[in-house]
Amino acid sequence: MAKRTVGALLRDLGWPEESLLDLGGIATARGQEHYSLLFLGLAGALGTYGFGIRIVPPAAEG
């Protein structure tokens, strides 16, 4: 239920469906907490929060 709610909120904020990425359950929370430290470090180094990070999946073989 929570994942569905968050997905709906993100879509309401204008996130395209292909940008939504399910990172799993509560077991993955530690990684997301560490990401926040990375984000804050980057923002401090850049002097702005106006940046994005993109996940680029590997190209399909063939």
C-alpha atoms as a PDB file:
ATOM      1  CA  MET A   1       0.000   0.000   0.000  1.00  0.00           C
ATOM      2  CA  ALA A   2       2.776   2.458   0.925  1.00  0.00           C
ATOM      3  CA  LYS A   3       4.676   1.902  -2.337  1.00  0.00           C
ATOM      4  CA  ARG A   4       1.511   2.504  -4.329  1.00  0.00           C
ATOM      5  CA  THR A   5       0.841   5.722  -2.393  1.00  0.00           C
ATOM      6  CA  VAL A   6       4.379   7.035  -2.892  1.00  0.00           C
ATOM      7  CA  GLY A   7       4.250   6.145  -6.591  1.00  0.00           C
ATOM      8  CA  ALA A   8       0.996   8.059  -6.963  1.00  0.00           C
ATOM      9  CA  LEU A   9       2.463  11.079  -5.149  1.00  0.00           C
ATOM     10  CA  LEU A  10       5.535  11.079  -7.399  1.00  0.00           C
ATOM     11  CA  ARG A  11       3.369  10.854 -10.526  1.00  0.00           C
ATOM     12  CA  ASP A  12       1.236  13.729  -9.198  1.00  0.00           C
ATOM     13  CA  LEU A  13       4.450  15.757  -8.862  1.00  0.00           C
ATOM     14  CA  GLY A  14       5.217  15.109 -12.529  1.00  0.00           C
ATOM     15  CA  TRP A  15       7.648  12.195 -12.367  1.00  0.00           C
ATOM     16  CA  PRO A  16       7.284  10.033 -15.486  1.00  0.00           C
ATOM     17  CA  GLU A  17       6.472   6.377 -14.905  1.00  0.00           C
ATOM     18  CA  GLU A  18       9.807   5.249 -16.381  1.00  0.00           C
ATOM     19  CA  SER A  19      11.651   7.332 -13.746  1.00  0.00           C
ATOM     20  CA  LEU A  20      10.143   5.439 -10.812  1.00  0.00           C
ATOM     21  CA  LEU A  21      12.431   2.748  -9.455  1.00  0.00           C
ATOM     22  CA  ASP A  22      11.406   0.332  -6.693  1.00  0.00           C
ATOM     23  CA  LEU A  23      14.462  -0.227  -4.487  1.00  0.00           C
ATOM     24  CA  GLY A  24      12.882  -3.004  -2.465  1.00  0.00           C
ATOM     25  CA  GLY A  25      11.705  -3.235   1.117  1.00  0.00           C
ATOM     26  CA  ILE A  26      12.942  -1.893   4.412  1.00  0.00           C
ATOM     27  CA  ALA A  27      16.183  -3.893   4.067  1.00  0.00           C
ATOM     28  CA  THR A  28      17.376  -1.374   1.441  1.00  0.00           C
ATOM     29  CA  ALA A  29      16.770   1.649   3.697  1.00  0.00           C
ATOM     30  CA  ARG A  30      20.411   1.841   4.805  1.00  0.00           C
ATOM     31  CA  GLY A  31      21.537   2.416   1.212  1.00  0.00           C
ATOM     32  CA  GLN A  32      19.021   5.207   0.800  1.00  0.00           C
ATOM     33  CA  GLU A  33      20.204   6.807   4.038  1.00  0.00           C
ATOM     34  CA  HIS A  34      23.782   6.745   2.708  1.00  0.00           C
ATOM     35  CA  TYR A  35      22.567   8.296  -0.525  1.00  0.00           C
ATOM     36  CA  SER A  36      21.302  11.274   1.467  1.00  0.00           C
ATOM     37  CA  LEU A  37      24.858  11.773   2.779  1.00  0.00           C
ATOM     38  CA  LEU A  38      26.192  11.638  -0.789  1.00  0.00           C
ATOM     39  CA  PHE A  39      23.535  14.125  -1.915  1.00  0.00           C
ATOM     40  CA  LEU A  40      24.390  16.568   0.866  1.00  0.00           C
ATOM     41  CA  GLY A  41      28.117  16.231   0.130  1.00  0.00           C
ATOM     42  CA  LEU A  42      27.550  16.947  -3.557  1.00  0.00           C
ATOM     43  CA  ALA A  43      25.296  19.908  -2.766  1.00  0.00           C
ATOM     44  CA  GLY A  44      27.948  21.337  -0.463  1.00  0.00           C
ATOM     45  CA  ALA A  45      30.688  20.900  -3.047  1.00  0.00           C
ATOM     46  CA  LEU A  46      28.565  22.366  -5.858  1.00  0.00           C
ATOM     47  CA  GLY A  47      27.039  25.108  -3.719  1.00  0.00           C
ATOM     48  CA  THR A  48      23.537  24.242  -4.913  1.00  0.00           C
ATOM     49  CA  TYR A  49      20.813  21.618  -4.700  1.00  0.00           C
ATOM     50  CA  GLY A  50      20.054  22.214  -8.378  1.00  0.00           C
ATOM     51  CA  PHE A  51      21.452  18.979  -9.779  1.00  0.00           C
ATOM     52  CA  GLY A  52      20.219  15.518 -10.574  1.00  0.00           C
ATOM     53  CA  ILE A  53      21.558  12.008 -10.528  1.00  0.00           C
ATOM     54  CA  ARG A  54      20.436   9.548 -13.175  1.00  0.00           C
ATOM     55  CA  ILE A  55      20.480   5.761 -13.065  1.00  0.00           C
ATOM     56  CA  VAL A  56      21.571   4.493 -16.469  1.00  0.00           C
ATOM     57  CA  PRO A  57      20.726   0.812 -16.976  1.00  0.00           C
ATOM     58  CA  PRO A  58      23.079  -1.250 -19.124  1.00  0.00           C
ATOM     59  CA  ALA A  59      22.362  -1.389 -22.828  1.00  0.00           C
ATOM     60  CA  ALA A  60      20.503  -4.437 -24.064  1.00  0.00           C
ATOM     61  CA  GLU A  61      22.770  -7.013 -25.649  1.00  0.00           C
ATOM     62  CA  GLY A  62      22.240  -7.917 -29.218  1.00  0.00           C
END
